[in-house]
Amino acid sequence: MKKRREPVSEGAESAWTLSKGLQDLLTCPACGGFFSDPVTEHSGDTFCRDCLPQKSQPAYLHTNWKMQNLVRLAKQLKPFLEEPQATLEGWCAKHQENWSFFCREDNEKICLVCHYSILHEGHTLTQLQDLDTKQEASRLLGQSQGA
């Protein structure tokens, strides 16, 4: 039996809570990403069209344009709704996890969840603690050679 999503609480306390609630509502339960070509079954469950096996898709499934437009709008609003503190304090704003890796291709700090994301697949990732140690060692070596 599929787990139903909880309704968004009416007393949302921050922009981040609103953003997270909206993102949860617009996320496909199968792939975990924002809906892409969303279709809604008779049961009321919505999925990305590509997440449903082609053989089991009934003929009545059509793109849910309202959901598609909400996803587009949420993607545009997301940067304005995210909690700015998360980035300033060394936390991934998307996953609320500590930054633990550095992606050389994207030149950014990422969390463990981002590490396994398709967005960083095949990228050169270095643990931040190793990066800090290497930079410190390079700095010390540079000072001793110059002395």
C-alpha atoms as a PDB file:
ATOM      1  CA  MET A   1       0.000   0.000   0.000  1.00  0.00           C
ATOM      2  CA  LYS A   2       1.369   3.391  -0.978  1.00  0.00           C
ATOM      3  CA  LYS A   3       2.028   5.949   1.713  1.00  0.00           C
ATOM      4  CA  ARG A   4      -0.165   9.015   1.338  1.00  0.00           C
ATOM      5  CA  ARG A   5       1.383  12.439   1.613  1.00  0.00           C
ATOM      6  CA  GLU A   6       0.453  14.493   4.634  1.00  0.00           C
ATOM      7  CA  PRO A   7      -1.374  17.767   3.921  1.00  0.00           C
ATOM      8  CA  VAL A   8       0.662  20.934   4.224  1.00  0.00           C
ATOM      9  CA  SER A   9       0.175  22.517   7.638  1.00  0.00           C
ATOM     10  CA  GLU A  10      -1.703  25.786   7.587  1.00  0.00           C
ATOM     11  CA  GLY A  11       0.601  27.439  10.115  1.00  0.00           C
ATOM     12  CA  ALA A  12       3.783  27.391   8.062  1.00  0.00           C
ATOM     13  CA  GLU A  13       6.445  29.192  10.060  1.00  0.00           C
ATOM     14  CA  SER A  14       9.010  30.211   7.476  1.00  0.00           C
ATOM     15  CA  ALA A  15       9.644  30.639   3.788  1.00  0.00           C
ATOM     16  CA  TRP A  16      11.742  27.468   3.873  1.00  0.00           C
ATOM     17  CA  THR A  17       8.819  25.505   5.354  1.00  0.00           C
ATOM     18  CA  LEU A  18       6.557  26.844   2.615  1.00  0.00           C
ATOM     19  CA  SER A  19       9.096  26.024  -0.056  1.00  0.00           C
ATOM     20  CA  LYS A  20       9.643  22.508   1.296  1.00  0.00           C
ATOM     21  CA  GLY A  21       5.883  21.895   1.535  1.00  0.00           C
ATOM     22  CA  LEU A  22       5.333  23.089  -2.017  1.00  0.00           C
ATOM     23  CA  GLN A  23       8.254  21.025  -3.273  1.00  0.00           C
ATOM     24  CA  ASP A  24       6.886  17.919  -1.537  1.00  0.00           C
ATOM     25  CA  LEU A  25       3.486  18.407  -3.185  1.00  0.00           C
ATOM     26  CA  LEU A  26       5.086  18.761  -6.611  1.00  0.00           C
ATOM     27  CA  THR A  27       7.469  15.812  -6.282  1.00  0.00           C
ATOM     28  CA  CYS A  28       6.881  12.488  -8.010  1.00  0.00           C
ATOM     29  CA  PRO A  29       6.729   9.645  -5.466  1.00  0.00           C
ATOM     30  CA  ALA A  30       8.428   7.299  -7.959  1.00  0.00           C
ATOM     31  CA  CYS A  31      11.513   9.277  -9.043  1.00  0.00           C
ATOM     32  CA  GLY A  32      11.714  11.858  -6.245  1.00  0.00           C
ATOM     33  CA  GLY A  33      12.092  14.806  -8.635  1.00  0.00           C
ATOM     34  CA  PHE A  34       9.726  17.563  -9.653  1.00  0.00           C
ATOM     35  CA  PHE A  35       6.946  16.223 -11.858  1.00  0.00           C
ATOM     36  CA  SER A  36       7.826  16.013 -15.529  1.00  0.00           C
ATOM     37  CA  ASP A  37       4.792  15.576 -17.806  1.00  0.00           C
ATOM     38  CA  PRO A  38       2.599  14.761 -14.764  1.00  0.00           C
ATOM     39  CA  VAL A  39      -0.378  12.455 -15.154  1.00  0.00           C
ATOM     40  CA  THR A  40      -3.011  11.809 -12.477  1.00  0.00           C
ATOM     41  CA  GLU A  41      -4.627   8.402 -12.053  1.00  0.00           C
ATOM     42  CA  HIS A  42      -8.263   7.814 -11.017  1.00  0.00           C
ATOM     43  CA  SER A  43      -6.961   7.188  -7.483  1.00  0.00           C
ATOM     44  CA  GLY A  44      -5.750  10.803  -7.392  1.00  0.00           C
ATOM     45  CA  ASP A  45      -2.072   9.839  -7.348  1.00  0.00           C
ATOM     46  CA  THR A  46       0.127  11.853  -9.706  1.00  0.00           C
ATOM     47  CA  PHE A  47       3.314  10.579 -11.346  1.00  0.00           C
ATOM     48  CA  CYS A  48       5.674  11.600 -14.120  1.00  0.00           C
ATOM     49  CA  ARG A  49       4.463   9.926 -17.300  1.00  0.00           C
ATOM     50  CA  ASP A  50       7.875   8.274 -17.755  1.00  0.00           C
ATOM     51  CA  CYS A  51       7.735   6.833 -14.215  1.00  0.00           C
ATOM     52  CA  LEU A  52       4.703   4.694 -15.080  1.00  0.00           C
ATOM     53  CA  PRO A  53       5.429   1.567 -17.110  1.00  0.00           C
ATOM     54  CA  GLN A  54       4.159   2.081 -20.667  1.00  0.00           C
ATOM     55  CA  LYS A  55       2.201  -1.199 -20.624  1.00  0.00           C
ATOM     56  CA  SER A  56       0.230  -0.242 -17.505  1.00  0.00           C
ATOM     57  CA  GLN A  57      -0.710   3.279 -18.636  1.00  0.00           C
ATOM     58  CA  PRO A  58      -4.445   3.486 -19.250  1.00  0.00           C
ATOM     59  CA  ALA A  59      -5.615   5.313 -22.372  1.00  0.00           C
ATOM     60  CA  TYR A  60      -7.341   8.014 -20.303  1.00  0.00           C
ATOM     61  CA  LEU A  61      -4.070   9.451 -18.911  1.00  0.00           C
ATOM     62  CA  HIS A  62      -3.432  12.986 -20.098  1.00  0.00           C
ATOM     63  CA  THR A  63      -0.934  15.595 -18.973  1.00  0.00           C
ATOM     64  CA  ASN A  64      -2.091  17.392 -15.845  1.00  0.00           C
ATOM     65  CA  TRP A  65      -1.440  20.935 -17.104  1.00  0.00           C
ATOM     66  CA  LYS A  66      -2.325  22.615 -13.822  1.00  0.00           C
ATOM     67  CA  MET A  67       0.268  20.500 -12.022  1.00  0.00           C
ATOM     68  CA  GLN A  68       2.792  21.120 -14.809  1.00  0.00           C
ATOM     69  CA  ASN A  69       2.267  24.888 -14.484  1.00  0.00           C
ATOM     70  CA  LEU A  70       2.591  24.709 -10.691  1.00  0.00           C
ATOM     71  CA  VAL A  71       5.916  22.893 -11.074  1.00  0.00           C
ATOM     72  CA  ARG A  72       7.152  25.570 -13.478  1.00  0.00           C
ATOM     73  CA  LEU A  73       6.079  28.305 -11.069  1.00  0.00           C
ATOM     74  CA  ALA A  74       7.632  26.537  -8.056  1.00  0.00           C
ATOM     75  CA  LYS A  75      10.953  26.223  -9.880  1.00  0.00           C
ATOM     76  CA  GLN A  76      10.909  29.973 -10.548  1.00  0.00           C
ATOM     77  CA  LEU A  77       9.988  30.819  -6.938  1.00  0.00           C
ATOM     78  CA  LYS A  78      12.313  28.341  -5.235  1.00  0.00           C
ATOM     79  CA  PRO A  79      15.362  30.654  -4.998  1.00  0.00           C
ATOM     80  CA  PHE A  80      13.220  33.325  -3.336  1.00  0.00           C
ATOM     81  CA  LEU A  81      11.650  30.948  -0.810  1.00  0.00           C
ATOM     82  CA  GLU A  82      14.740  29.114   0.379  1.00  0.00           C
ATOM     83  CA  GLU A  83      16.134  29.888   3.796  1.00  0.00           C
ATOM     84  CA  PRO A  84      19.237  32.070   3.286  1.00  0.00           C
ATOM     85  CA  GLN A  85      20.672  30.924   6.647  1.00  0.00           C
ATOM     86  CA  ALA A  86      21.212  27.417   5.310  1.00  0.00           C
ATOM     87  CA  THR A  87      23.797  28.562   2.774  1.00  0.00           C
ATOM     88  CA  LEU A  88      25.527  30.918   5.174  1.00  0.00           C
ATOM     89  CA  GLU A  89      25.954  28.297   7.879  1.00  0.00           C
ATOM     90  CA  GLY A  90      27.458  25.568   5.683  1.00  0.00           C
ATOM     91  CA  TRP A  91      24.305  23.592   5.059  1.00  0.00           C
ATOM     92  CA  CYS A  92      22.793  22.404   1.793  1.00  0.00           C
ATOM     93  CA  ALA A  93      19.603  24.447   1.394  1.00  0.00           C
ATOM     94  CA  LYS A  94      17.957  21.710  -0.665  1.00  0.00           C
ATOM     95  CA  HIS A  95      18.593  18.772   1.671  1.00  0.00           C
ATOM     96  CA  GLN A  96      19.366  20.451   5.023  1.00  0.00           C
ATOM     97  CA  GLU A  97      22.584  18.415   5.320  1.00  0.00           C
ATOM     98  CA  ASN A  98      26.137  19.508   6.140  1.00  0.00           C
ATOM     99  CA  TRP A  99      28.341  20.239   3.180  1.00  0.00           C
ATOM    100  CA  SER A 100      30.799  17.390   3.091  1.00  0.00           C
ATOM    101  CA  PHE A 101      32.155  17.363  -0.478  1.00  0.00           C
ATOM    102  CA  PHE A 102      33.543  19.778  -3.026  1.00  0.00           C
ATOM    103  CA  CYS A 103      32.583  19.298  -6.692  1.00  0.00           C
ATOM    104  CA  ARG A 104      35.463  20.456  -8.874  1.00  0.00           C
ATOM    105  CA  GLU A 105      33.410  20.617 -12.080  1.00  0.00           C
ATOM    106  CA  ASP A 106      30.718  22.826 -10.547  1.00  0.00           C
ATOM    107  CA  ASN A 107      33.154  24.575  -8.173  1.00  0.00           C
ATOM    108  CA  GLU A 108      30.758  24.258  -5.235  1.00  0.00           C
ATOM    109  CA  LYS A 109      30.354  22.574  -1.880  1.00  0.00           C
ATOM    110  CA  ILE A 110      27.733  19.819  -1.799  1.00  0.00           C
ATOM    111  CA  CYS A 111      26.141  17.514   0.789  1.00  0.00           C
ATOM    112  CA  LEU A 112      26.096  13.722   0.904  1.00  0.00           C
ATOM    113  CA  VAL A 113      22.667  13.580  -0.781  1.00  0.00           C
ATOM    114  CA  CYS A 114      23.904  15.817  -3.632  1.00  0.00           C
ATOM    115  CA  HIS A 115      26.966  13.559  -3.888  1.00  0.00           C
ATOM    116  CA  TYR A 116      24.730  10.706  -5.088  1.00  0.00           C
ATOM    117  CA  SER A 117      22.629  12.945  -7.321  1.00  0.00           C
ATOM    118  CA  ILE A 118      22.668  12.514 -11.076  1.00  0.00           C
ATOM    119  CA  LEU A 119      23.676  16.184 -11.261  1.00  0.00           C
ATOM    120  CA  HIS A 120      27.159  15.286  -9.964  1.00  0.00           C
ATOM    121  CA  GLU A 121      27.499  11.864 -11.603  1.00  0.00           C
ATOM    122  CA  GLY A 122      30.986  11.416 -13.026  1.00  0.00           C
ATOM    123  CA  HIS A 123      32.261  14.610 -11.381  1.00  0.00           C
ATOM    124  CA  THR A 124      35.461  14.856  -9.375  1.00  0.00           C
ATOM    125  CA  LEU A 125      34.376  15.060  -5.745  1.00  0.00           C
ATOM    126  CA  THR A 126      36.706  15.619  -2.813  1.00  0.00           C
ATOM    127  CA  GLN A 127      35.757  15.343   0.842  1.00  0.00           C
ATOM    128  CA  LEU A 128      35.965  18.806   2.391  1.00  0.00           C
ATOM    129  CA  GLN A 129      38.092  17.581   5.295  1.00  0.00           C
ATOM    130  CA  ASP A 130      40.634  16.196   2.783  1.00  0.00           C
ATOM    131  CA  LEU A 131      40.489  19.403   0.762  1.00  0.00           C
ATOM    132  CA  ASP A 132      41.119  21.523   3.868  1.00  0.00           C
ATOM    133  CA  THR A 133      44.045  19.277   4.863  1.00  0.00           C
ATOM    134  CA  LYS A 134      45.589  19.450   1.362  1.00  0.00           C
ATOM    135  CA  GLN A 135      45.193  23.229   1.180  1.00  0.00           C
ATOM    136  CA  GLU A 136      46.710  23.598   4.653  1.00  0.00           C
ATOM    137  CA  ALA A 137      49.630  21.327   3.683  1.00  0.00           C
ATOM    138  CA  SER A 138      50.208  23.320   0.468  1.00  0.00           C
ATOM    139  CA  ARG A 139      50.123  26.562   2.418  1.00  0.00           C
ATOM    140  CA  LEU A 140      52.654  25.279   4.969  1.00  0.00           C
ATOM    141  CA  LEU A 141      54.937  23.868   2.270  1.00  0.00           C
ATOM    142  CA  GLY A 142      54.854  27.186   0.426  1.00  0.00           C
ATOM    143  CA  GLN A 143      55.840  29.036   3.597  1.00  0.00           C
ATOM    144  CA  SER A 144      58.726  26.678   4.455  1.00  0.00           C
ATOM    145  CA  GLN A 145      60.153  26.830   0.924  1.00  0.00           C
ATOM    146  CA  GLY A 146      60.051  30.593   0.911  1.00  0.00           C
ATOM    147  CA  ALA A 147      61.822  30.875   4.309  1.00  0.00           C
END
